[in-house]
Protein backbone atom coordinates (compact mmCIF):
# COMPACT_ATOMS: atom_id res chain seq x y z
CA MET A 1 21.81 -82.80 -60.35
CA LYS A 2 19.94 -83.93 -57.25
CA ARG A 3 18.10 -80.62 -57.10
CA THR A 4 16.92 -81.10 -60.70
CA TYR A 5 15.40 -84.50 -59.83
CA LYS A 6 13.66 -83.02 -56.82
CA VAL A 7 12.10 -80.26 -58.94
CA ILE A 8 11.00 -82.76 -61.62
CA PHE A 9 9.55 -85.06 -58.95
CA LEU A 10 7.70 -82.14 -57.35
CA ILE A 11 6.25 -81.03 -60.72
CA ALA A 12 5.19 -84.61 -61.53
CA LEU A 13 3.56 -84.93 -58.10
CA VAL A 14 1.60 -81.68 -58.57
CA MET A 15 0.47 -82.74 -62.05
CA PHE A 16 -0.59 -86.18 -60.79
CA THR A 17 -2.55 -84.66 -57.91
CA THR A 18 -4.24 -82.21 -60.29
CA LEU A 19 -5.25 -85.01 -62.65
CA ILE A 20 -6.67 -87.02 -59.75
CA GLY A 21 -8.67 -83.95 -58.66
CA PHE A 22 -10.11 -83.41 -62.15
CA GLY A 23 -11.00 -87.09 -62.43
CA TYR A 24 -12.77 -86.99 -59.09
CA GLN A 25 -14.76 -83.88 -60.07
CA TYR A 26 -15.77 -85.44 -63.38
CA SER A 27 -16.95 -88.68 -61.77
CA TYR A 28 -18.79 -86.77 -59.02
CA ARG A 29 -20.66 -84.62 -61.55
CA TYR A 30 -21.45 -87.69 -63.67
CA ALA A 31 -22.89 -89.53 -60.65
CA GLN A 32 -24.84 -86.42 -59.63
CA LYS A 33 -26.38 -86.16 -63.12
CA GLN A 34 -27.30 -89.86 -63.05
CA GLN A 35 -28.98 -89.35 -59.67
CA GLU A 36 -30.95 -86.37 -60.98
CA ASP A 37 -32.09 -88.38 -64.01
CA THR A 38 -33.21 -91.24 -61.78
CA SER A 39 -35.01 -88.97 -59.33
CA ALA A 40 -36.83 -87.27 -62.20
CA VAL A 41 -38.34 -90.62 -63.13
CA THR A 42 -39.32 -91.62 -59.60
CA SER A 43 -40.71 -88.24 -58.59
CA VAL A 44 -43.50 -88.11 -61.15
CA PRO A 45 -46.36 -86.22 -59.54
CA GLN A 46 -49.42 -88.32 -58.93
CA SER A 47 -52.90 -87.00 -59.49
CA VAL A 48 -55.10 -86.56 -56.47
CA SER A 49 -58.79 -87.30 -56.58
CA ALA A 50 -61.64 -87.56 -54.14
CA GLN A 51 -62.18 -90.86 -52.33
CA GLY A 52 -65.41 -91.69 -54.14
CA GLU A 53 -63.86 -90.99 -57.52
CA THR A 54 -60.86 -93.18 -56.74
CA ASP A 55 -63.08 -96.11 -55.82
CA THR A 56 -64.95 -95.97 -59.13
CA VAL A 57 -61.70 -95.69 -61.10
CA GLN A 58 -60.12 -98.60 -59.21
CA ASN A 59 -63.06 -100.90 -59.98
CA LYS A 60 -62.61 -100.40 -63.71
CA GLY A 61 -59.07 -101.80 -63.79
CA TYR A 62 -55.58 -100.55 -64.53
CA TYR A 63 -53.38 -99.94 -67.53
CA LEU A 64 -49.67 -100.70 -67.73
CA SER A 65 -47.74 -98.24 -69.84
CA HIS A 66 -44.24 -96.73 -69.91
CA LEU A 67 -42.76 -93.41 -68.89
CA HIS A 68 -39.08 -92.50 -69.32
CA GLY A 69 -38.24 -96.16 -69.96
CA PHE A 70 -39.97 -97.54 -66.85
CA VAL A 71 -43.26 -99.39 -66.43
CA VAL A 72 -45.99 -97.19 -64.96
CA VAL A 73 -49.42 -98.25 -63.71
CA TYR A 74 -52.33 -95.95 -64.53
CA TYR A 75 -55.90 -96.06 -63.31
CA ALA A 76 -58.56 -96.94 -65.90
CA ASP A 77 -58.77 -93.29 -67.01
CA ARG A 78 -55.20 -93.66 -68.42
CA HIS A 79 -54.20 -90.26 -67.01
CA THR A 80 -54.01 -90.76 -63.25
CA ILE A 81 -50.86 -92.57 -62.14
CA TYR A 82 -51.44 -95.36 -59.65
CA GLU A 83 -47.81 -96.45 -59.27
CA VAL A 84 -44.40 -95.82 -60.83
CA THR A 85 -42.37 -99.02 -60.83
CA ASP A 86 -38.63 -99.63 -61.05
CA ILE A 87 -39.11 -102.15 -63.87
CA GLU A 88 -37.23 -101.02 -66.97
CA LEU A 89 -39.18 -101.57 -70.17
CA MET A 90 -36.12 -102.82 -72.06
CA THR A 91 -35.58 -105.69 -69.58
CA LEU A 92 -38.96 -107.25 -70.40
CA PRO A 93 -39.55 -109.81 -73.17
CA ALA A 94 -40.37 -108.30 -76.58
CA GLU A 95 -43.99 -109.50 -76.50
CA ILE A 96 -44.61 -107.88 -73.09
CA GLN A 97 -42.85 -104.69 -74.24
CA GLY A 98 -45.29 -104.46 -77.15
CA GLU A 99 -48.29 -104.96 -74.89
CA ILE A 100 -47.10 -102.30 -72.46
CA THR A 101 -46.29 -99.87 -75.26
CA GLU A 102 -49.87 -100.23 -76.51
CA GLY A 103 -51.27 -100.06 -72.96
CA LYS A 104 -51.76 -103.44 -71.29
CA TYR A 105 -55.10 -103.70 -69.47
CA VAL A 106 -55.23 -105.43 -66.07
CA ARG A 107 -58.64 -106.10 -64.51
CA ASN A 108 -57.86 -105.96 -60.79
CA LEU A 109 -55.17 -105.55 -58.14
CA LYS A 110 -54.54 -109.29 -57.90
CA GLU A 111 -53.60 -109.51 -61.59
CA LEU A 112 -51.65 -106.26 -61.37
CA TYR A 113 -49.48 -107.36 -58.46
CA GLY A 114 -49.07 -110.81 -59.99
CA PHE A 115 -47.63 -109.18 -63.10
CA LEU A 116 -45.41 -106.81 -61.11
CA GLU A 117 -44.05 -109.65 -58.96
CA ASN A 118 -43.20 -111.71 -62.04
CA TYR A 119 -41.23 -108.95 -63.75
CA SER A 120 -39.71 -106.96 -60.90
CA SER A 121 -36.08 -107.60 -60.04
């Protein structure tokens, strides 16, 4: 009878260890996928332009828009990315979300960084 309990205990121990291993693998792969999704948002390639061209674009202002659920700052041409922020669009007030969805215009760097400081976490 004692031998039967030992065998049952050993089988239960192996099953428990196997379940723990599967759970660990699942959570590891889930975290890895989350990291890949996050890095895809933050590694958006930025356009490169000549110094003279950048100066003329900067003087015309900036546009706030969204990309993959995050607020992104574009130069006045609306194609060249100036900065990708970590501000999630859904965390902003509804009125601001609407403005950003349409493309909120900001005249200069002072206004831009004032906005970003107000809404960053």
